[in-house]
PDB file of N, CA and C in Angstrom:
ATOM      1  N   MET A   1      99.626 102.607  54.615  1.00  0.00           N
ATOM      2  CA  MET A   1      99.685 101.906  55.869  1.00  0.00           C
ATOM      3  C   MET A   1      98.561 102.406  56.739  1.00  0.00           C
ATOM      4  N   ASN A   2      97.849 101.499  57.362  1.00  0.00           N
ATOM      5  CA  ASN A   2      96.826 101.855  58.305  1.00  0.00           C
ATOM      6  C   ASN A   2      97.343 101.592  59.677  1.00  0.00           C
ATOM      7  N   ILE A   3      97.606 102.625  60.452  1.00  0.00           N
ATOM      8  CA  ILE A   3      98.170 102.481  61.791  1.00  0.00           C
ATOM      9  C   ILE A   3      97.033 102.177  62.726  1.00  0.00           C
ATOM     10  N   GLN A   4      97.058 100.998  63.357  1.00  0.00           N
ATOM     11  CA  GLN A   4      96.016 100.581  64.258  1.00  0.00           C
ATOM     12  C   GLN A   4      96.362 101.062  65.637  1.00  0.00           C
ATOM     13  N   THR A   5      95.344 101.345  66.406  1.00  0.00           N
ATOM     14  CA  THR A   5      95.543 101.686  67.807  1.00  0.00           C
ATOM     15  C   THR A   5      96.055 100.471  68.554  1.00  0.00           C
ATOM     16  N   SER A   6      97.074 100.661  69.358  1.00  0.00           N
ATOM     17  CA  SER A   6      97.706  99.547  70.076  1.00  0.00           C
ATOM     18  C   SER A   6      96.789  99.046  71.167  1.00  0.00           C
ATOM     19  N   VAL A   7      96.915  97.708  71.411  1.00  0.00           N
ATOM     20  CA  VAL A   7      96.204  97.147  72.523  1.00  0.00           C
ATOM     21  C   VAL A   7      97.041  97.196  73.786  1.00  0.00           C
ATOM     22  N   LEU A   8      98.289  97.562  73.661  1.00  0.00           N
ATOM     23  CA  LEU A   8      99.187  97.662  74.808  1.00  0.00           C
ATOM     24  C   LEU A   8      98.875  98.939  75.597  1.00  0.00           C
ATOM     25  N   THR A   9      98.829  98.830  76.916  1.00  0.00           N
ATOM     26  CA  THR A   9      98.668 100.026  77.701  1.00  0.00           C
ATOM     27  C   THR A   9     100.091 100.602  77.988  1.00  0.00           C
ATOM     28  N   ASN A  10     100.149 101.890  78.190  1.00  0.00           N
ATOM     29  CA  ASN A  10     101.388 102.566  78.411  1.00  0.00           C
ATOM     30  C   ASN A  10     102.343 102.383  77.232  1.00  0.00           C
ATOM     31  N   SER A  11     101.785 102.380  76.070  1.00  0.00           N
ATOM     32  CA  SER A  11     102.625 102.377  74.863  1.00  0.00           C
ATOM     33  C   SER A  11     102.271 103.585  74.033  1.00  0.00           C
ATOM     34  N   ILE A  12     103.197 104.019  73.177  1.00  0.00           N
ATOM     35  CA  ILE A  12     102.961 105.116  72.303  1.00  0.00           C
ATOM     36  C   ILE A  12     103.396 104.725  70.898  1.00  0.00           C
ATOM     37  N   MET A  13     102.751 105.345  69.931  1.00  0.00           N
ATOM     38  CA  MET A  13     103.140 105.183  68.536  1.00  0.00           C
ATOM     39  C   MET A  13     103.831 106.447  68.071  1.00  0.00           C
ATOM     40  N   VAL A  14     105.023 106.287  67.531  1.00  0.00           N
ATOM     41  CA  VAL A  14     105.847 107.439  67.205  1.00  0.00           C
ATOM     42  C   VAL A  14     106.293 107.353  65.711  1.00  0.00           C
ATOM     43  N   ALA A  15     106.256 108.510  65.060  1.00  0.00           N
ATOM     44  CA  ALA A  15     106.726 108.622  63.667  1.00  0.00           C
ATOM     45  C   ALA A  15     107.974 109.492  63.615  1.00  0.00           C
ATOM     46  N   PHE A  16     108.975 109.036  62.849  1.00  0.00           N
ATOM     47  CA  PHE A  16     110.230 109.793  62.703  1.00  0.00           C
ATOM     48  C   PHE A  16     110.372 110.197  61.216  1.00  0.00           C
ATOM     49  N   ALA A  17     110.474 111.487  60.951  1.00  0.00           N
ATOM     50  CA  ALA A  17     110.700 111.980  59.576  1.00  0.00           C
ATOM     51  C   ALA A  17     112.188 111.678  59.248  1.00  0.00           C
ATOM     52  N   THR A  18     112.382 110.915  58.183  1.00  0.00           N
ATOM     53  CA  THR A  18     113.759 110.560  57.847  1.00  0.00           C
ATOM     54  C   THR A  18     113.945 110.531  56.339  1.00  0.00           C
ATOM     55  N   ASN A  19     115.168 110.857  55.935  1.00  0.00           N
ATOM     56  CA  ASN A  19     115.592 110.688  54.558  1.00  0.00           C
ATOM     57  C   ASN A  19     116.665 109.619  54.411  1.00  0.00           C
ATOM     58  N   ASN A  20     117.284 109.222  55.545  1.00  0.00           N
ATOM     59  CA  ASN A  20     118.382 108.232  55.476  1.00  0.00           C
ATOM     60  C   ASN A  20     118.106 106.978  56.268  1.00  0.00           C
ATOM     61  N   THR A  21     116.932 106.819  56.825  1.00  0.00           N
ATOM     62  CA  THR A  21     116.397 105.676  57.558  1.00  0.00           C
ATOM     63  C   THR A  21     116.960 105.460  58.971  1.00  0.00           C
ATOM     64  N   THR A  22     118.018 106.182  59.337  1.00  0.00           N
ATOM     65  CA  THR A  22     118.615 105.968  60.644  1.00  0.00           C
ATOM     66  C   THR A  22     118.561 107.213  61.564  1.00  0.00           C
ATOM     67  N   HIS A  23     118.248 108.368  60.968  1.00  0.00           N
ATOM     68  CA  HIS A  23     118.228 109.619  61.765  1.00  0.00           C
ATOM     69  C   HIS A  23     116.930 110.391  61.494  1.00  0.00           C
ATOM     70  N   ILE A  24     116.573 111.170  62.494  1.00  0.00           N
ATOM     71  CA  ILE A  24     115.515 112.173  62.341  1.00  0.00           C
ATOM     72  C   ILE A  24     116.254 113.311  61.634  1.00  0.00           C
ATOM     73  N   ASP A  25     116.089 113.415  60.351  1.00  0.00           N
ATOM     74  CA  ASP A  25     116.933 114.347  59.543  1.00  0.00           C
ATOM     75  C   ASP A  25     116.129 115.071  58.481  1.00  0.00           C
ATOM     76  N   ALA A  26     114.818 115.010  58.557  1.00  0.00           N
ATOM     77  CA  ALA A  26     114.022 115.589  57.472  1.00  0.00           C
ATOM     78  C   ALA A  26     113.056 116.633  57.977  1.00  0.00           C
ATOM     79  N   HIS A  27     112.841 117.624  57.150  1.00  0.00           N
ATOM     80  CA  HIS A  27     111.794 118.627  57.326  1.00  0.00           C
ATOM     81  C   HIS A  27     110.447 117.882  57.138  1.00  0.00           C
ATOM     82  N   PHE A  28     109.459 118.229  57.924  1.00  0.00           N
ATOM     83  CA  PHE A  28     108.137 117.521  57.830  1.00  0.00           C
ATOM     84  C   PHE A  28     107.657 117.513  56.379  1.00  0.00           C
ATOM     85  N   GLY A  29     107.730 118.660  55.713  1.00  0.00           N
ATOM     86  CA  GLY A  29     107.166 118.750  54.360  1.00  0.00           C
ATOM     87  C   GLY A  29     107.989 118.157  53.245  1.00  0.00           C
ATOM     88  N   SER A  30     109.260 117.769  53.528  1.00  0.00           N
ATOM     89  CA  SER A  30     110.089 117.198  52.485  1.00  0.00           C
ATOM     90  C   SER A  30     110.648 115.845  52.874  1.00  0.00           C
ATOM     91  N   ALA A  31     110.132 115.228  53.922  1.00  0.00           N
ATOM     92  CA  ALA A  31     110.590 113.888  54.301  1.00  0.00           C
ATOM     93  C   ALA A  31     110.268 112.881  53.190  1.00  0.00           C
ATOM     94  N   LYS A  32     111.198 111.991  52.944  1.00  0.00           N
ATOM     95  CA  LYS A  32     110.944 110.942  51.952  1.00  0.00           C
ATOM     96  C   LYS A  32     110.105 109.844  52.575  1.00  0.00           C
ATOM     97  N   GLU A  33     110.215 109.678  53.885  1.00  0.00           N
ATOM     98  CA  GLU A  33     109.414 108.661  54.567  1.00  0.00           C
ATOM     99  C   GLU A  33     109.358 108.922  56.064  1.00  0.00           C
ATOM    100  N   PHE A  34     108.396 108.265  56.703  1.00  0.00           N
ATOM    101  CA  PHE A  34     108.300 108.292  58.173  1.00  0.00           C
ATOM    102  C   PHE A  34     108.397 106.851  58.672  1.00  0.00           C
ATOM    103  N   HIS A  35     109.297 106.634  59.607  1.00  0.00           N
ATOM    104  CA  HIS A  35     109.435 105.321  60.235  1.00  0.00           C
ATOM    105  C   HIS A  35     108.593 105.306  61.494  1.00  0.00           C
ATOM    106  N   ILE A  36     107.771 104.263  61.642  1.00  0.00           N
ATOM    107  CA  ILE A  36     106.779 104.204  62.704  1.00  0.00           C
ATOM    108  C   ILE A  36     107.241 103.097  63.697  1.00  0.00           C
ATOM    109  N   TYR A  37     107.180 103.455  65.005  1.00  0.00           N
ATOM    110  CA  TYR A  37     107.553 102.510  66.074  1.00  0.00           C
ATOM    111  C   TYR A  37     106.505 102.538  67.117  1.00  0.00           C
ATOM    112  N   GLU A  38     106.241 101.406  67.755  1.00  0.00           N
ATOM    113  CA  GLU A  38     105.461 101.304  68.964  1.00  0.00           C
ATOM    114  C   GLU A  38     106.435 101.139  70.103  1.00  0.00           C
ATOM    115  N   ILE A  39     106.299 101.965  71.127  1.00  0.00           N
ATOM    116  CA  ILE A  39     107.262 102.008  72.213  1.00  0.00           C
ATOM    117  C   ILE A  39     106.577 101.772  73.553  1.00  0.00           C
ATOM    118  N   THR A  40     107.187 100.911  74.401  1.00  0.00           N
ATOM    119  CA  THR A  40     106.755 100.714  75.779  1.00  0.00           C
ATOM    120  C   THR A  40     107.928 101.014  76.665  1.00  0.00           C
ATOM    121  N   HIS A  41     107.732 100.823  77.959  1.00  0.00           N
ATOM    122  CA  HIS A  41     108.815 101.140  78.915  1.00  0.00           C
ATOM    123  C   HIS A  41     110.036 100.206  78.788  1.00  0.00           C
ATOM    124  N   ASP A  42     109.839  99.023  78.179  1.00  0.00           N
ATOM    125  CA  ASP A  42     110.955  98.054  78.123  1.00  0.00           C
ATOM    126  C   ASP A  42     111.255  97.552  76.768  1.00  0.00           C
ATOM    127  N   SER A  43     110.566  98.060  75.721  1.00  0.00           N
ATOM    128  CA  SER A  43     110.877  97.578  74.376  1.00  0.00           C
ATOM    129  C   SER A  43     110.270  98.545  73.339  1.00  0.00           C
ATOM    130  N   TYR A  44     110.676  98.312  72.106  1.00  0.00           N
ATOM    131  CA  TYR A  44     110.059  99.002  71.000  1.00  0.00           C
ATOM    132  C   TYR A  44     109.981  98.021  69.848  1.00  0.00           C
ATOM    133  N   SER A  45     108.994  98.265  68.986  1.00  0.00           N
ATOM    134  CA  SER A  45     108.789  97.414  67.813  1.00  0.00           C
ATOM    135  C   SER A  45     108.700  98.360  66.596  1.00  0.00           C
ATOM    136  N   PHE A  46     109.387  97.980  65.567  1.00  0.00           N
ATOM    137  CA  PHE A  46     109.286  98.687  64.286  1.00  0.00           C
ATOM    138  C   PHE A  46     107.960  98.297  63.675  1.00  0.00           C
ATOM    139  N   TYR A  47     107.165  99.302  63.407  1.00  0.00           N
ATOM    140  CA  TYR A  47     105.800  99.068  62.902  1.00  0.00           C
ATOM    141  C   TYR A  47     105.739  99.119  61.375  1.00  0.00           C
ATOM    142  N   GLY A  48     106.570  99.982  60.777  1.00  0.00           N
ATOM    143  CA  GLY A  48     106.588 100.060  59.340  1.00  0.00           C
ATOM    144  C   GLY A  48     107.057 101.408  58.855  1.00  0.00           C
ATOM    145  N   VAL A  49     107.015 101.548  57.545  1.00  0.00           N
ATOM    146  CA  VAL A  49     107.452 102.755  56.851  1.00  0.00           C
ATOM    147  C   VAL A  49     106.287 103.357  56.083  1.00  0.00           C
ATOM    148  N   ILE A  50     106.122 104.677  56.216  1.00  0.00           N
ATOM    149  CA  ILE A  50     105.153 105.373  55.411  1.00  0.00           C
ATOM    150  C   ILE A  50     105.955 106.160  54.384  1.00  0.00           C
ATOM    151  N   PRO A  51     105.936 105.716  53.104  1.00  0.00           N
ATOM    152  CA  PRO A  51     106.637 106.487  52.074  1.00  0.00           C
ATOM    153  C   PRO A  51     105.810 107.739  51.690  1.00  0.00           C
ATOM    154  N   ILE A  52     106.495 108.817  51.449  1.00  0.00           N
ATOM    155  CA  ILE A  52     105.831 110.066  51.062  1.00  0.00           C
ATOM    156  C   ILE A  52     106.147 110.304  49.595  1.00  0.00           C
ATOM    157  N   THR A  53     105.091 110.272  48.762  1.00  0.00           N
ATOM    158  CA  THR A  53     105.320 110.376  47.329  1.00  0.00           C
ATOM    159  C   THR A  53     104.891 111.721  46.745  1.00  0.00           C
ATOM    160  N   THR A  54     104.194 112.495  47.585  1.00  0.00           N
ATOM    161  CA  THR A  54     103.725 113.795  47.083  1.00  0.00           C
ATOM    162  C   THR A  54     103.788 114.788  48.242  1.00  0.00           C
ATOM    163  N   LYS A  55     104.062 116.055  47.870  1.00  0.00           N
ATOM    164  CA  LYS A  55     104.096 117.107  48.885  1.00  0.00           C
ATOM    165  C   LYS A  55     102.664 117.614  49.129  1.00  0.00           C
ATOM    166  N   ASP A  56     102.019 116.934  50.005  1.00  0.00           N
ATOM    167  CA  ASP A  56     100.622 117.271  50.368  1.00  0.00           C
ATOM    168  C   ASP A  56     100.483 117.120  51.886  1.00  0.00           C
ATOM    169  N   THR A  57     100.527 118.239  52.600  1.00  0.00           N
ATOM    170  CA  THR A  57     100.502 118.203  54.061  1.00  0.00           C
ATOM    171  C   THR A  57      99.304 117.448  54.596  1.00  0.00           C
ATOM    172  N   ASP A  58      98.116 117.712  54.066  1.00  0.00           N
ATOM    173  CA  ASP A  58      96.913 117.019  54.556  1.00  0.00           C
ATOM    174  C   ASP A  58      97.007 115.536  54.319  1.00  0.00           C
ATOM    175  N   ARG A  59      97.511 115.112  53.156  1.00  0.00           N
ATOM    176  CA  ARG A  59      97.659 113.665  52.878  1.00  0.00           C
ATOM    177  C   ARG A  59      98.678 113.057  53.847  1.00  0.00           C
ATOM    178  N   THR A  60      99.795 113.729  54.089  1.00  0.00           N
ATOM    179  CA  THR A  60     100.807 113.191  54.997  1.00  0.00           C
ATOM    180  C   THR A  60     100.232 113.034  56.406  1.00  0.00           C
ATOM    181  N   ILE A  61      99.489 114.011  56.891  1.00  0.00           N
ATOM    182  CA  ILE A  61      98.856 113.928  58.197  1.00  0.00           C
ATOM    183  C   ILE A  61      97.859 112.782  58.234  1.00  0.00           C
ATOM    184  N   ASP A  62      97.088 112.609  57.163  1.00  0.00           N
ATOM    185  CA  ASP A  62      96.164 111.469  57.118  1.00  0.00           C
ATOM    186  C   ASP A  62      96.936 110.130  57.206  1.00  0.00           C
ATOM    187  N   LEU A  63      98.061 110.062  56.555  1.00  0.00           N
ATOM    188  CA  LEU A  63      98.859 108.828  56.630  1.00  0.00           C
ATOM    189  C   LEU A  63      99.427 108.568  58.027  1.00  0.00           C
ATOM    190  N   LEU A  64      99.661 109.635  58.773  1.00  0.00           N
ATOM    191  CA  LEU A  64     100.198 109.531  60.142  1.00  0.00           C
ATOM    192  C   LEU A  64      99.092 109.311  61.184  1.00  0.00           C
ATOM    193  N   ASN A  65      97.849 109.277  60.741  1.00  0.00           N
ATOM    194  CA  ASN A  65      96.733 109.079  61.682  1.00  0.00           C
ATOM    195  C   ASN A  65      96.963 107.775  62.469  1.00  0.00           C
ATOM    196  N   GLY A  66      96.860 107.865  63.782  1.00  0.00           N
ATOM    197  CA  GLY A  66      97.112 106.729  64.652  1.00  0.00           C
ATOM    198  C   GLY A  66      98.434 106.827  65.419  1.00  0.00           C
ATOM    199  N   THR A  67      99.276 107.772  64.934  1.00  0.00           N
ATOM    200  CA  THR A  67     100.507 107.996  65.678  1.00  0.00           C
ATOM    201  C   THR A  67     100.237 109.017  66.789  1.00  0.00           C
ATOM    202  N   ASP A  68     101.046 108.988  67.797  1.00  0.00           N
ATOM    203  CA  ASP A  68     100.830 109.927  68.922  1.00  0.00           C
ATOM    204  C   ASP A  68     101.827 111.085  68.854  1.00  0.00           C
ATOM    205  N   ILE A  69     103.032 110.847  68.348  1.00  0.00           N
ATOM    206  CA  ILE A  69     104.068 111.846  68.316  1.00  0.00           C
ATOM    207  C   ILE A  69     104.754 111.753  66.939  1.00  0.00           C
ATOM    208  N   VAL A  70     105.127 112.886  66.371  1.00  0.00           N
ATOM    209  CA  VAL A  70     105.915 112.873  65.168  1.00  0.00           C
ATOM    210  C   VAL A  70     107.114 113.792  65.368  1.00  0.00           C
ATOM    211  N   TYR A  71     108.290 113.272  64.984  1.00  0.00           N
ATOM    212  CA  TYR A  71     109.582 113.998  65.121  1.00  0.00           C
ATOM    213  C   TYR A  71     110.030 114.421  63.743  1.00  0.00           C
ATOM    214  N   PHE A  72     110.700 115.588  63.672  1.00  0.00           N
ATOM    215  CA  PHE A  72     111.259 116.131  62.423  1.00  0.00           C
ATOM    216  C   PHE A  72     112.282 117.189  62.798  1.00  0.00           C
ATOM    217  N   VAL A  73     113.014 117.726  61.788  1.00  0.00           N
ATOM    218  CA  VAL A  73     113.998 118.751  62.038  1.00  0.00           C
ATOM    219  C   VAL A  73     113.412 120.168  61.762  1.00  0.00           C
ATOM    220  N   ASN A  74     112.326 120.249  61.056  1.00  0.00           N
ATOM    221  CA  ASN A  74     111.715 121.564  60.826  1.00  0.00           C
ATOM    222  C   ASN A  74     110.300 121.329  60.281  1.00  0.00           C
ATOM    223  N   ILE A  75     109.502 122.404  60.387  1.00  0.00           N
ATOM    224  CA  ILE A  75     108.145 122.372  59.925  1.00  0.00           C
ATOM    225  C   ILE A  75     107.624 123.788  59.754  1.00  0.00           C
ATOM    226  N   GLY A  76     106.724 124.001  58.824  1.00  0.00           N
ATOM    227  CA  GLY A  76     106.085 125.291  58.652  1.00  0.00           C
ATOM    228  C   GLY A  76     104.984 125.464  59.678  1.00  0.00           C
ATOM    229  N   PRO A  77     104.627 126.707  59.975  1.00  0.00           N
ATOM    230  CA  PRO A  77     103.590 126.974  60.984  1.00  0.00           C
ATOM    231  C   PRO A  77     102.218 126.410  60.621  1.00  0.00           C
ATOM    232  N   ALA A  78     101.837 126.449  59.375  1.00  0.00           N
ATOM    233  CA  ALA A  78     100.503 125.926  58.989  1.00  0.00           C
ATOM    234  C   ALA A  78     100.476 124.410  59.183  1.00  0.00           C
ATOM    235  N   ALA A  79     101.536 123.725  58.778  1.00  0.00           N
ATOM    236  CA  ALA A  79     101.594 122.253  58.938  1.00  0.00           C
ATOM    237  C   ALA A  79     101.635 121.883  60.438  1.00  0.00           C
ATOM    238  N   ALA A  80     102.353 122.662  61.224  1.00  0.00           N
ATOM    239  CA  ALA A  80     102.400 122.373  62.682  1.00  0.00           C
ATOM    240  C   ALA A  80     101.029 122.476  63.302  1.00  0.00           C
ATOM    241  N   ALA A  81     100.278 123.523  62.917  1.00  0.00           N
ATOM    242  CA  ALA A  81      98.929 123.694  63.435  1.00  0.00           C
ATOM    243  C   ALA A  81      98.037 122.543  63.034  1.00  0.00           C
ATOM    244  N   LYS A  82      98.184 122.088  61.802  1.00  0.00           N
ATOM    245  CA  LYS A  82      97.355 120.948  61.342  1.00  0.00           C
ATOM    246  C   LYS A  82      97.702 119.668  62.101  1.00  0.00           C
ATOM    247  N   ILE A  83      98.964 119.436  62.380  1.00  0.00           N
ATOM    248  CA  ILE A  83      99.376 118.269  63.132  1.00  0.00           C
ATOM    249  C   ILE A  83      98.766 118.304  64.516  1.00  0.00           C
ATOM    250  N   ILE A  84      98.910 119.396  65.174  1.00  0.00           N
ATOM    251  CA  ILE A  84      98.367 119.568  66.504  1.00  0.00           C
ATOM    252  C   ILE A  84      96.846 119.351  66.538  1.00  0.00           C
ATOM    253  N   ASN A  85      96.166 119.959  65.546  1.00  0.00           N
ATOM    254  CA  ASN A  85      94.719 119.813  65.482  1.00  0.00           C
ATOM    255  C   ASN A  85      94.292 118.409  65.181  1.00  0.00           C
ATOM    256  N   SER A  86      95.167 117.600  64.587  1.00  0.00           N
ATOM    257  CA  SER A  86      94.838 116.190  64.334  1.00  0.00           C
ATOM    258  C   SER A  86      95.080 115.287  65.520  1.00  0.00           C
ATOM    259  N   GLY A  87      95.616 115.866  66.624  1.00  0.00           N
ATOM    260  CA  GLY A  87      95.851 115.075  67.831  1.00  0.00           C
ATOM    261  C   GLY A  87      97.218 114.468  67.924  1.00  0.00           C
ATOM    262  N   ILE A  88      98.149 114.831  67.015  1.00  0.00           N
ATOM    263  CA  ILE A  88      99.485 114.310  67.042  1.00  0.00           C
ATOM    264  C   ILE A  88     100.391 115.360  67.700  1.00  0.00           C
ATOM    265  N   PHE A  89     101.269 114.944  68.570  1.00  0.00           N
ATOM    266  CA  PHE A  89     102.153 115.862  69.275  1.00  0.00           C
ATOM    267  C   PHE A  89     103.440 116.029  68.412  1.00  0.00           C
ATOM    268  N   PRO A  90     103.755 117.254  67.983  1.00  0.00           N
ATOM    269  CA  PRO A  90     104.976 117.449  67.166  1.00  0.00           C
ATOM    270  C   PRO A  90     106.217 117.717  68.029  1.00  0.00           C
ATOM    271  N   ILE A  91     107.327 117.138  67.628  1.00  0.00           N
ATOM    272  CA  ILE A  91     108.620 117.444  68.297  1.00  0.00           C
ATOM    273  C   ILE A  91     109.622 117.782  67.209  1.00  0.00           C
ATOM    274  N   LYS A  92     110.190 118.991  67.395  1.00  0.00           N
ATOM    275  CA  LYS A  92     111.148 119.517  66.403  1.00  0.00           C
ATOM    276  C   LYS A  92     112.540 119.510  67.009  1.00  0.00           C
ATOM    277  N   TYR A  93     113.498 118.935  66.277  1.00  0.00           N
ATOM    278  CA  TYR A  93     114.900 119.060  66.620  1.00  0.00           C
ATOM    279  C   TYR A  93     115.587 120.052  65.668  1.00  0.00           C
ATOM    280  N   LYS A  94     116.616 120.728  66.168  1.00  0.00           N
ATOM    281  CA  LYS A  94     117.329 121.679  65.365  1.00  0.00           C
ATOM    282  C   LYS A  94     118.345 121.039  64.426  1.00  0.00           C
ATOM    283  N   GLU A  95     118.747 119.811  64.770  1.00  0.00           N
ATOM    284  CA  GLU A  95     119.705 119.116  63.923  1.00  0.00           C
ATOM    285  C   GLU A  95     119.373 117.606  63.942  1.00  0.00           C
ATOM    286  N   SER A  96     120.069 116.868  63.091  1.00  0.00           N
ATOM    287  CA  SER A  96     119.848 115.435  62.929  1.00  0.00           C
ATOM    288  C   SER A  96     120.092 114.697  64.260  1.00  0.00           C
ATOM    289  N   VAL A  97     119.213 113.759  64.575  1.00  0.00           N
ATOM    290  CA  VAL A  97     119.319 112.954  65.784  1.00  0.00           C
ATOM    291  C   VAL A  97     119.113 111.479  65.421  1.00  0.00           C
ATOM    292  N   SER A  98     119.870 110.598  66.029  1.00  0.00           N
ATOM    293  CA  SER A  98     119.759 109.153  65.789  1.00  0.00           C
ATOM    294  C   SER A  98     118.350 108.678  66.261  1.00  0.00           C
ATOM    295  N   ILE A  99     117.690 107.901  65.383  1.00  0.00           N
ATOM    296  CA  ILE A  99     116.383 107.322  65.767  1.00  0.00           C
ATOM    297  C   ILE A  99     116.584 106.375  66.956  1.00  0.00           C
ATOM    298  N   ASN A 100     117.661 105.570  66.901  1.00  0.00           N
ATOM    299  CA  ASN A 100     117.867 104.598  68.013  1.00  0.00           C
ATOM    300  C   ASN A 100     118.075 105.320  69.342  1.00  0.00           C
ATOM    301  N   GLU A 101     118.784 106.438  69.332  1.00  0.00           N
ATOM    302  CA  GLU A 101     118.949 107.165  70.562  1.00  0.00           C
ATOM    303  C   GLU A 101     117.637 107.727  71.077  1.00  0.00           C
ATOM    304  N   GLU A 102     116.798 108.208  70.176  1.00  0.00           N
ATOM    305  CA  GLU A 102     115.500 108.773  70.602  1.00  0.00           C
ATOM    306  C   GLU A 102     114.614 107.645  71.108  1.00  0.00           C
ATOM    307  N   LEU A 103     114.669 106.474  70.504  1.00  0.00           N
ATOM    308  CA  LEU A 103     113.874 105.295  70.992  1.00  0.00           C
ATOM    309  C   LEU A 103     114.290 104.974  72.426  1.00  0.00           C
ATOM    310  N   ALA A 104     115.585 104.943  72.704  1.00  0.00           N
ATOM    311  CA  ALA A 104     116.077 104.677  74.036  1.00  0.00           C
ATOM    312  C   ALA A 104     115.561 105.709  75.060  1.00  0.00           C
ATOM    313  N   LYS A 105     115.577 106.993  74.662  1.00  0.00           N
ATOM    314  CA  LYS A 105     115.096 108.067  75.518  1.00  0.00           C
ATOM    315  C   LYS A 105     113.579 107.890  75.818  1.00  0.00           C
ATOM    316  N   LEU A 106     112.833 107.535  74.799  1.00  0.00           N
ATOM    317  CA  LEU A 106     111.401 107.375  74.985  1.00  0.00           C
ATOM    318  C   LEU A 106     111.087 106.165  75.874  1.00  0.00           C
ATOM    319  N   MET A 107     111.797 105.075  75.740  1.00  0.00           N
ATOM    320  CA  MET A 107     111.629 103.922  76.598  1.00  0.00           C
ATOM    321  C   MET A 107     111.934 104.290  78.010  1.00  0.00           C
ATOM    322  N   ASN A 108     113.009 105.014  78.209  1.00  0.00           N
ATOM    323  CA  ASN A 108     113.392 105.473  79.579  1.00  0.00           C
ATOM    324  C   ASN A 108     112.317 106.368  80.181  1.00  0.00           C
ATOM    325  N   MET A 109     111.785 107.315  79.386  1.00  0.00           N
ATOM    326  CA  MET A 109     110.690 108.181  79.872  1.00  0.00           C
ATOM    327  C   MET A 109     109.488 107.373  80.279  1.00  0.00           C
ATOM    328  N   LEU A 110     109.094 106.404  79.453  1.00  0.00           N
ATOM    329  CA  LEU A 110     107.908 105.616  79.776  1.00  0.00           C
ATOM    330  C   LEU A 110     108.136 104.752  81.010  1.00  0.00           C
ATOM    331  N   GLY A 111     109.368 104.321  81.268  1.00  0.00           N
ATOM    332  CA  GLY A 111     109.670 103.482  82.394  1.00  0.00           C
ATOM    333  C   GLY A 111     109.950 104.231  83.697  1.00  0.00           C
ATOM    334  N   SER A 112     110.074 105.535  83.639  1.00  0.00           N
ATOM    335  CA  SER A 112     110.282 106.318  84.852  1.00  0.00           C
ATOM    336  C   SER A 112     109.082 107.232  85.108  1.00  0.00           C
ATOM    337  N   ASN A 113     109.359 108.492  85.124  1.00  0.00           N
ATOM    338  CA  ASN A 113     108.282 109.468  85.329  1.00  0.00           C
ATOM    339  C   ASN A 113     108.081 110.265  84.058  1.00  0.00           C
ATOM    340  N   PRO A 114     107.167 109.829  83.199  1.00  0.00           N
ATOM    341  CA  PRO A 114     107.038 110.471  81.905  1.00  0.00           C
ATOM    342  C   PRO A 114     106.563 111.933  82.050  1.00  0.00           C
ATOM    343  N   PRO A 115     106.968 112.787  81.087  1.00  0.00           N
ATOM    344  CA  PRO A 115     106.506 114.155  81.120  1.00  0.00           C
ATOM    345  C   PRO A 115     104.964 114.191  80.882  1.00  0.00           C
ATOM    346  N   PRO A 116     104.364 115.310  81.272  1.00  0.00           N
ATOM    347  CA  PRO A 116     102.899 115.400  81.193  1.00  0.00           C
ATOM    348  C   PRO A 116     102.323 115.066  79.819  1.00  0.00           C
ATOM    349  N   PHE A 117     102.987 115.464  78.728  1.00  0.00           N
ATOM    350  CA  PHE A 117     102.394 115.174  77.415  1.00  0.00           C
ATOM    351  C   PHE A 117     102.359 113.698  77.101  1.00  0.00           C
ATOM    352  N   ILE A 118     103.350 112.953  77.605  1.00  0.00           N
ATOM    353  CA  ILE A 118     103.340 111.473  77.368  1.00  0.00           C
ATOM    354  C   ILE A 118     102.316 110.830  78.314  1.00  0.00           C
ATOM    355  N   LYS A 119     102.173 111.319  79.517  1.00  0.00           N
ATOM    356  CA  LYS A 119     101.145 110.818  80.428  1.00  0.00           C
ATOM    357  C   LYS A 119      99.754 110.958  79.783  1.00  0.00           C
ATOM    358  N   LYS A 120      99.528 112.131  79.188  1.00  0.00           N
ATOM    359  CA  LYS A 120      98.257 112.362  78.495  1.00  0.00           C
ATOM    360  C   LYS A 120      98.034 111.389  77.382  1.00  0.00           C
ATOM    361  N   ILE A 121      99.054 111.133  76.618  1.00  0.00           N
ATOM    362  CA  ILE A 121      98.955 110.175  75.501  1.00  0.00           C
ATOM    363  C   ILE A 121      98.575 108.807  76.036  1.00  0.00           C
ATOM    364  N   CYS A 122      99.273 108.361  77.076  1.00  0.00           N
ATOM    365  CA  CYS A 122      99.006 107.024  77.647  1.00  0.00           C
ATOM    366  C   CYS A 122      97.592 106.938  78.214  1.00  0.00           C
ATOM    367  N   GLU A 123      97.160 108.004  78.873  1.00  0.00           N
ATOM    368  CA  GLU A 123      95.786 108.033  79.412  1.00  0.00           C
ATOM    369  C   GLU A 123      94.762 107.987  78.304  1.00  0.00           C
ATOM    370  N   ARG A 124      95.003 108.715  77.217  1.00  0.00           N
ATOM    371  CA  ARG A 124      94.092 108.724  76.073  1.00  0.00           C
ATOM    372  C   ARG A 124      94.011 107.333  75.460  1.00  0.00           C
ATOM    373  N   ARG A 125      95.151 106.669  75.328  1.00  0.00           N
ATOM    374  CA  ARG A 125      95.203 105.337  74.705  1.00  0.00           C
ATOM    375  C   ARG A 125      94.517 104.319  75.582  1.00  0.00           C
ATOM    376  N   ALA A 126      94.597 104.476  76.925  1.00  0.00           N
ATOM    377  CA  ALA A 126      94.001 103.488  77.856  1.00  0.00           C
ATOM    378  C   ALA A 126      92.509 103.603  77.910  1.00  0.00           C
ATOM    379  N   SER A 127      91.993 104.754  77.543  1.00  0.00           N
ATOM    380  CA  SER A 127      90.498 104.955  77.676  1.00  0.00           C
ATOM    381  C   SER A 127      89.772 104.463  76.450  1.00  0.00           C
TER     382      SER A 127
END
């Protein structure tokens, strides 16, 4: 999948590491797939699925190119550094979280006063 930069302003592209398709429930390095969404303050669109067929951190990060944020339940320090250096903001949860709940939170953040890291993402996308 080639993730294109969105033409929408104040939108973000987010990847969720998942093994069951409905929850952020996977370690970055062992996720079966990443579900990609484009999110604005009032909607979100399912962009697609990136299947992971090999345990290759560099390849996975290349596949995630174009996303702004990636969510997972765990990650190794070397992989985390590589994600950050690629320009993707990592978010780690300690336990499984519903993708739909996280989408609602992100829409709410974009529609109100987003945290600084999301403001930076929107500014970067707008330029």
